[in-house]
Amino acid sequence: MIKRLKELRMEKGLTQNALAQKLNMTQQTYSDYETGKTNPNVETLIALADILECSIDYLVGRADDFGSISFKDSSATFSLEETQLLRSFRRLSKNEKTQANEYLQFLAQRYGK
C-alpha cells in the first residue's frame, strides 16, 4: 500500500526511529509499514502525509504529484510546474542539489531576477 514511504523518509533525512517517534510508535511498527507487512490506519496516513509534506494519494502511489503544498506561515502554494521542480530536486543527491542551487543563482543573476 505504501509505495513511497522509504523514499520520502530518506529525502527528509529521517531514520525509521526518528519518524516513528514523530508518530508516537515503535520503530518496528513503522518498519512494518515500510516493508508492507502492515498498513497504517487513516489517522497515521494523515500524519505521515503531513510530516513528509505530500498528499496521501502521492504516498500510496495513486498520484505522481505531491498535491497542493503550502507554507504554514503563508497562503502561497506551489504551481504544478513548481511542484514538478521540487519533486525532481528532492530526488537529487546533496551534491547535485548544491550544484542545481548554484546554477539557479547564476541564472537569476544573469537575467537580473
N, C-alpha and C. Protein backbone atom coordinates (compact mmCIF):
# COMPACT_ATOMS: atom_id res chain seq x y z
N MET A 1 0.82 -1.20 0.00
CA MET A 1 0.00 0.00 0.00
C MET A 1 0.86 1.26 0.00
N ILE A 2 1.82 1.32 0.88
CA ILE A 2 2.67 2.50 0.95
C ILE A 2 3.84 2.30 -0.01
N LYS A 3 3.80 3.00 -1.12
CA LYS A 3 4.80 2.78 -2.16
C LYS A 3 6.02 3.68 -2.02
N ARG A 4 5.84 4.86 -1.48
CA ARG A 4 6.93 5.84 -1.49
C ARG A 4 7.43 6.21 -0.10
N LEU A 5 7.05 5.47 0.88
CA LEU A 5 7.35 5.83 2.26
C LEU A 5 8.84 5.93 2.53
N LYS A 6 9.59 4.91 2.15
CA LYS A 6 11.03 4.92 2.42
C LYS A 6 11.72 6.05 1.67
N GLU A 7 11.38 6.23 0.40
CA GLU A 7 11.97 7.29 -0.42
C GLU A 7 11.75 8.67 0.21
N LEU A 8 10.52 8.94 0.61
CA LEU A 8 10.21 10.24 1.20
C LEU A 8 10.89 10.42 2.55
N ARG A 9 10.91 9.36 3.35
CA ARG A 9 11.58 9.44 4.66
C ARG A 9 13.05 9.78 4.48
N MET A 10 13.69 9.11 3.53
CA MET A 10 15.12 9.35 3.32
C MET A 10 15.37 10.74 2.76
N GLU A 11 14.48 11.23 1.88
CA GLU A 11 14.61 12.59 1.36
C GLU A 11 14.54 13.62 2.48
N LYS A 12 13.78 13.32 3.52
CA LYS A 12 13.68 14.22 4.67
C LYS A 12 14.84 14.05 5.63
N GLY A 13 15.70 13.07 5.38
CA GLY A 13 16.84 12.83 6.25
C GLY A 13 16.45 12.22 7.58
N LEU A 14 15.37 11.47 7.60
CA LEU A 14 14.88 10.87 8.84
C LEU A 14 15.22 9.38 8.88
N THR A 15 15.58 8.90 10.04
CA THR A 15 15.71 7.46 10.26
C THR A 15 14.33 6.89 10.53
N GLN A 16 14.23 5.57 10.44
CA GLN A 16 12.95 4.95 10.80
C GLN A 16 12.58 5.29 12.24
N ASN A 17 13.55 5.26 13.12
CA ASN A 17 13.29 5.54 14.52
C ASN A 17 12.81 6.98 14.73
N ALA A 18 13.44 7.94 14.04
CA ALA A 18 13.04 9.34 14.20
C ALA A 18 11.61 9.56 13.71
N LEU A 19 11.27 8.96 12.58
CA LEU A 19 9.91 9.11 12.07
C LEU A 19 8.91 8.39 12.97
N ALA A 20 9.28 7.23 13.47
CA ALA A 20 8.41 6.51 14.40
C ALA A 20 8.14 7.35 15.65
N GLN A 21 9.15 8.04 16.16
CA GLN A 21 8.96 8.89 17.33
C GLN A 21 7.99 10.02 17.03
N LYS A 22 8.08 10.62 15.84
CA LYS A 22 7.15 11.68 15.46
C LYS A 22 5.71 11.17 15.41
N LEU A 23 5.58 9.88 15.11
CA LEU A 23 4.27 9.27 15.01
C LEU A 23 3.82 8.60 16.32
N ASN A 24 4.66 8.69 17.35
CA ASN A 24 4.38 8.08 18.65
C ASN A 24 4.15 6.58 18.54
N MET A 25 5.08 5.91 17.87
CA MET A 25 5.00 4.46 17.73
C MET A 25 6.41 3.88 17.81
N THR A 26 6.50 2.58 17.84
CA THR A 26 7.81 1.94 17.88
C THR A 26 8.42 1.93 16.48
N GLN A 27 9.73 1.78 16.44
CA GLN A 27 10.43 1.69 15.16
C GLN A 27 9.96 0.46 14.41
N GLN A 28 9.68 -0.63 15.11
CA GLN A 28 9.24 -1.87 14.46
C GLN A 28 7.89 -1.69 13.78
N THR A 29 6.99 -0.99 14.45
CA THR A 29 5.67 -0.74 13.85
C THR A 29 5.83 0.06 12.56
N TYR A 30 6.66 1.12 12.63
CA TYR A 30 6.90 1.93 11.43
C TYR A 30 7.56 1.08 10.34
N SER A 31 8.55 0.29 10.70
CA SER A 31 9.26 -0.56 9.73
C SER A 31 8.28 -1.50 9.02
N ASP A 32 7.30 -2.00 9.75
CA ASP A 32 6.30 -2.87 9.14
C ASP A 32 5.49 -2.14 8.06
N TYR A 33 5.26 -0.84 8.23
CA TYR A 33 4.59 -0.06 7.18
C TYR A 33 5.47 0.02 5.94
N GLU A 34 6.75 0.30 6.17
CA GLU A 34 7.68 0.50 5.07
C GLU A 34 7.90 -0.79 4.27
N THR A 35 7.88 -1.91 4.94
CA THR A 35 8.09 -3.19 4.26
C THR A 35 6.80 -3.80 3.75
N GLY A 36 5.67 -3.20 4.08
CA GLY A 36 4.39 -3.71 3.61
C GLY A 36 3.81 -4.83 4.43
N LYS A 37 4.40 -5.11 5.60
CA LYS A 37 3.86 -6.17 6.45
C LYS A 37 2.50 -5.78 7.02
N THR A 38 2.35 -4.51 7.34
CA THR A 38 1.06 -3.99 7.80
C THR A 38 0.83 -2.64 7.14
N ASN A 39 -0.41 -2.17 7.21
CA ASN A 39 -0.78 -0.88 6.64
C ASN A 39 -1.22 0.07 7.74
N PRO A 40 -0.86 1.33 7.62
CA PRO A 40 -1.27 2.31 8.64
C PRO A 40 -2.76 2.61 8.53
N ASN A 41 -3.34 3.02 9.65
CA ASN A 41 -4.73 3.44 9.64
C ASN A 41 -4.83 4.85 9.05
N VAL A 42 -6.03 5.33 8.88
CA VAL A 42 -6.25 6.63 8.23
C VAL A 42 -5.56 7.76 9.00
N GLU A 43 -5.66 7.75 10.31
CA GLU A 43 -5.04 8.81 11.11
C GLU A 43 -3.52 8.82 10.91
N THR A 44 -2.92 7.65 10.84
CA THR A 44 -1.47 7.56 10.63
C THR A 44 -1.10 8.00 9.22
N LEU A 45 -1.91 7.65 8.23
CA LEU A 45 -1.67 8.13 6.86
C LEU A 45 -1.68 9.65 6.80
N ILE A 46 -2.63 10.25 7.47
CA ILE A 46 -2.71 11.71 7.50
C ILE A 46 -1.46 12.28 8.14
N ALA A 47 -1.05 11.71 9.27
CA ALA A 47 0.15 12.19 9.96
C ALA A 47 1.40 12.02 9.08
N LEU A 48 1.51 10.88 8.41
CA LEU A 48 2.65 10.65 7.52
C LEU A 48 2.68 11.67 6.39
N ALA A 49 1.53 11.93 5.78
CA ALA A 49 1.46 12.90 4.69
C ALA A 49 1.85 14.29 5.18
N ASP A 50 1.42 14.64 6.39
CA ASP A 50 1.79 15.95 6.96
C ASP A 50 3.29 16.03 7.22
N ILE A 51 3.85 15.00 7.83
CA ILE A 51 5.27 15.01 8.17
C ILE A 51 6.13 15.00 6.91
N LEU A 52 5.73 14.21 5.92
CA LEU A 52 6.51 14.06 4.70
C LEU A 52 6.15 15.08 3.63
N GLU A 53 5.20 15.95 3.96
CA GLU A 53 4.79 17.06 3.10
C GLU A 53 4.39 16.61 1.70
N CYS A 54 3.43 15.69 1.67
CA CYS A 54 2.89 15.21 0.40
C CYS A 54 1.43 14.85 0.61
N SER A 55 0.75 14.55 -0.47
CA SER A 55 -0.63 14.10 -0.36
C SER A 55 -0.66 12.61 -0.02
N ILE A 56 -1.77 12.17 0.52
CA ILE A 56 -1.93 10.74 0.78
C ILE A 56 -1.92 9.99 -0.54
N ASP A 57 -2.54 10.55 -1.58
CA ASP A 57 -2.53 9.89 -2.89
C ASP A 57 -1.11 9.69 -3.40
N TYR A 58 -0.23 10.68 -3.20
CA TYR A 58 1.16 10.52 -3.62
C TYR A 58 1.83 9.42 -2.78
N LEU A 59 1.57 9.44 -1.50
CA LEU A 59 2.18 8.48 -0.59
C LEU A 59 1.85 7.04 -0.96
N VAL A 60 0.61 6.79 -1.35
CA VAL A 60 0.19 5.42 -1.66
C VAL A 60 0.31 5.08 -3.15
N GLY A 61 0.84 6.02 -3.95
CA GLY A 61 1.09 5.73 -5.35
C GLY A 61 -0.08 5.97 -6.29
N ARG A 62 -1.10 6.68 -5.83
CA ARG A 62 -2.25 6.97 -6.70
C ARG A 62 -2.06 8.22 -7.53
N ALA A 63 -1.07 9.03 -7.20
CA ALA A 63 -0.79 10.27 -7.94
C ALA A 63 0.71 10.45 -8.04
N ASP A 64 1.13 11.15 -9.08
CA ASP A 64 2.55 11.39 -9.28
C ASP A 64 2.98 12.79 -8.88
N ASP A 65 2.08 13.58 -8.32
CA ASP A 65 2.50 14.87 -7.79
C ASP A 65 2.20 14.90 -6.30
N PHE A 66 2.84 15.84 -5.62
CA PHE A 66 2.73 15.90 -4.17
C PHE A 66 1.38 16.40 -3.70
N GLY A 67 0.59 16.94 -4.59
CA GLY A 67 -0.65 17.58 -4.18
C GLY A 67 -0.37 19.04 -3.92
N SER A 68 -1.26 19.70 -3.30
CA SER A 68 -1.10 21.12 -3.01
C SER A 68 -0.21 21.29 -1.78
N ILE A 69 0.93 21.91 -1.98
CA ILE A 69 1.87 22.13 -0.89
C ILE A 69 1.79 23.59 -0.49
N SER A 70 1.61 23.87 0.78
CA SER A 70 1.53 25.26 1.22
C SER A 70 2.43 25.48 2.42
N PHE A 71 2.79 26.73 2.62
CA PHE A 71 3.61 27.10 3.76
C PHE A 71 2.71 27.37 4.95
N LYS A 72 3.13 26.96 6.12
CA LYS A 72 2.32 27.15 7.32
C LYS A 72 2.14 28.64 7.66
N ASP A 73 3.12 29.47 7.31
CA ASP A 73 3.04 30.89 7.66
C ASP A 73 2.60 31.75 6.49
N SER A 74 2.06 31.15 5.43
CA SER A 74 1.65 31.89 4.26
C SER A 74 0.53 31.15 3.55
N SER A 75 -0.25 31.87 2.77
CA SER A 75 -1.30 31.22 1.99
C SER A 75 -0.79 30.84 0.60
N ALA A 76 0.49 31.09 0.30
CA ALA A 76 1.04 30.78 -1.01
C ALA A 76 1.14 29.27 -1.20
N THR A 77 0.85 28.82 -2.42
CA THR A 77 1.01 27.42 -2.77
C THR A 77 1.86 27.33 -4.03
N PHE A 78 2.39 26.15 -4.29
CA PHE A 78 3.21 25.93 -5.47
C PHE A 78 2.33 25.63 -6.68
N SER A 79 2.73 26.13 -7.85
CA SER A 79 2.07 25.76 -9.10
C SER A 79 2.47 24.33 -9.45
N LEU A 80 1.83 23.76 -10.46
CA LEU A 80 2.17 22.42 -10.91
C LEU A 80 3.63 22.37 -11.37
N GLU A 81 4.07 23.38 -12.11
CA GLU A 81 5.47 23.43 -12.57
C GLU A 81 6.44 23.47 -11.39
N GLU A 82 6.13 24.28 -10.37
CA GLU A 82 6.99 24.37 -9.19
C GLU A 82 7.00 23.05 -8.42
N THR A 83 5.86 22.39 -8.35
CA THR A 83 5.79 21.11 -7.67
C THR A 83 6.64 20.07 -8.39
N GLN A 84 6.59 20.08 -9.73
CA GLN A 84 7.41 19.14 -10.51
C GLN A 84 8.89 19.42 -10.29
N LEU A 85 9.27 20.69 -10.25
CA LEU A 85 10.67 21.04 -9.98
C LEU A 85 11.09 20.58 -8.59
N LEU A 86 10.22 20.77 -7.61
CA LEU A 86 10.52 20.34 -6.25
C LEU A 86 10.69 18.83 -6.19
N ARG A 87 9.81 18.11 -6.86
CA ARG A 87 9.91 16.65 -6.87
C ARG A 87 11.24 16.21 -7.48
N SER A 88 11.61 16.81 -8.59
CA SER A 88 12.90 16.48 -9.23
C SER A 88 14.06 16.84 -8.31
N PHE A 89 14.00 18.01 -7.70
CA PHE A 89 15.06 18.47 -6.81
C PHE A 89 15.23 17.53 -5.63
N ARG A 90 14.13 17.05 -5.07
CA ARG A 90 14.19 16.19 -3.88
C ARG A 90 14.86 14.85 -4.18
N ARG A 91 14.88 14.45 -5.44
CA ARG A 91 15.48 13.17 -5.81
C ARG A 91 16.99 13.28 -6.03
N LEU A 92 17.53 14.49 -6.05
CA LEU A 92 18.96 14.68 -6.27
C LEU A 92 19.75 14.37 -5.01
N SER A 93 21.02 14.04 -5.20
CA SER A 93 21.92 13.87 -4.06
C SER A 93 22.22 15.24 -3.47
N LYS A 94 22.82 15.27 -2.31
CA LYS A 94 23.16 16.53 -1.66
C LYS A 94 24.07 17.38 -2.55
N ASN A 95 25.06 16.75 -3.16
CA ASN A 95 25.98 17.45 -4.05
C ASN A 95 25.25 17.99 -5.28
N GLU A 96 24.37 17.19 -5.85
CA GLU A 96 23.60 17.63 -7.02
C GLU A 96 22.67 18.78 -6.66
N LYS A 97 22.09 18.76 -5.46
CA LYS A 97 21.24 19.87 -5.02
C LYS A 97 22.05 21.15 -4.91
N THR A 98 23.26 21.05 -4.39
CA THR A 98 24.13 22.22 -4.29
C THR A 98 24.42 22.78 -5.68
N GLN A 99 24.74 21.90 -6.63
CA GLN A 99 25.02 22.34 -7.99
C GLN A 99 23.80 22.97 -8.65
N ALA A 100 22.63 22.38 -8.44
CA ALA A 100 21.40 22.93 -9.01
C ALA A 100 21.12 24.32 -8.43
N ASN A 101 21.30 24.46 -7.13
CA ASN A 101 21.07 25.75 -6.48
C ASN A 101 22.04 26.80 -7.02
N GLU A 102 23.30 26.44 -7.18
CA GLU A 102 24.29 27.37 -7.73
C GLU A 102 23.92 27.78 -9.15
N TYR A 103 23.43 26.84 -9.94
CA TYR A 103 23.03 27.15 -11.31
C TYR A 103 21.83 28.09 -11.33
N LEU A 104 20.86 27.85 -10.46
CA LEU A 104 19.70 28.73 -10.39
C LEU A 104 20.10 30.15 -9.96
N GLN A 105 21.04 30.25 -9.03
CA GLN A 105 21.52 31.56 -8.62
C GLN A 105 22.23 32.25 -9.79
N PHE A 106 23.01 31.47 -10.56
CA PHE A 106 23.67 32.02 -11.74
C PHE A 106 22.64 32.56 -12.74
N LEU A 107 21.59 31.78 -13.02
CA LEU A 107 20.57 32.22 -13.95
C LEU A 107 19.85 33.49 -13.46
N ALA A 108 19.53 33.51 -12.18
CA ALA A 108 18.85 34.68 -11.61
C ALA A 108 19.73 35.92 -11.74
N GLN A 109 21.02 35.77 -11.47
CA GLN A 109 21.93 36.90 -11.59
C GLN A 109 22.09 37.32 -13.05
N ARG A 110 22.20 36.36 -13.92
CA ARG A 110 22.39 36.64 -15.35
C ARG A 110 21.21 37.40 -15.94
N TYR A 111 20.01 37.03 -15.52
CA TYR A 111 18.82 37.65 -16.07
C TYR A 111 18.20 38.71 -15.14
N GLY A 112 18.96 39.11 -14.13
CA GLY A 112 18.56 40.19 -13.26
C GLY A 112 17.32 39.92 -12.44
N LYS A 113 17.17 38.71 -12.00
CA LYS A 113 15.98 38.34 -11.20
C LYS A 113 16.30 38.34 -9.73
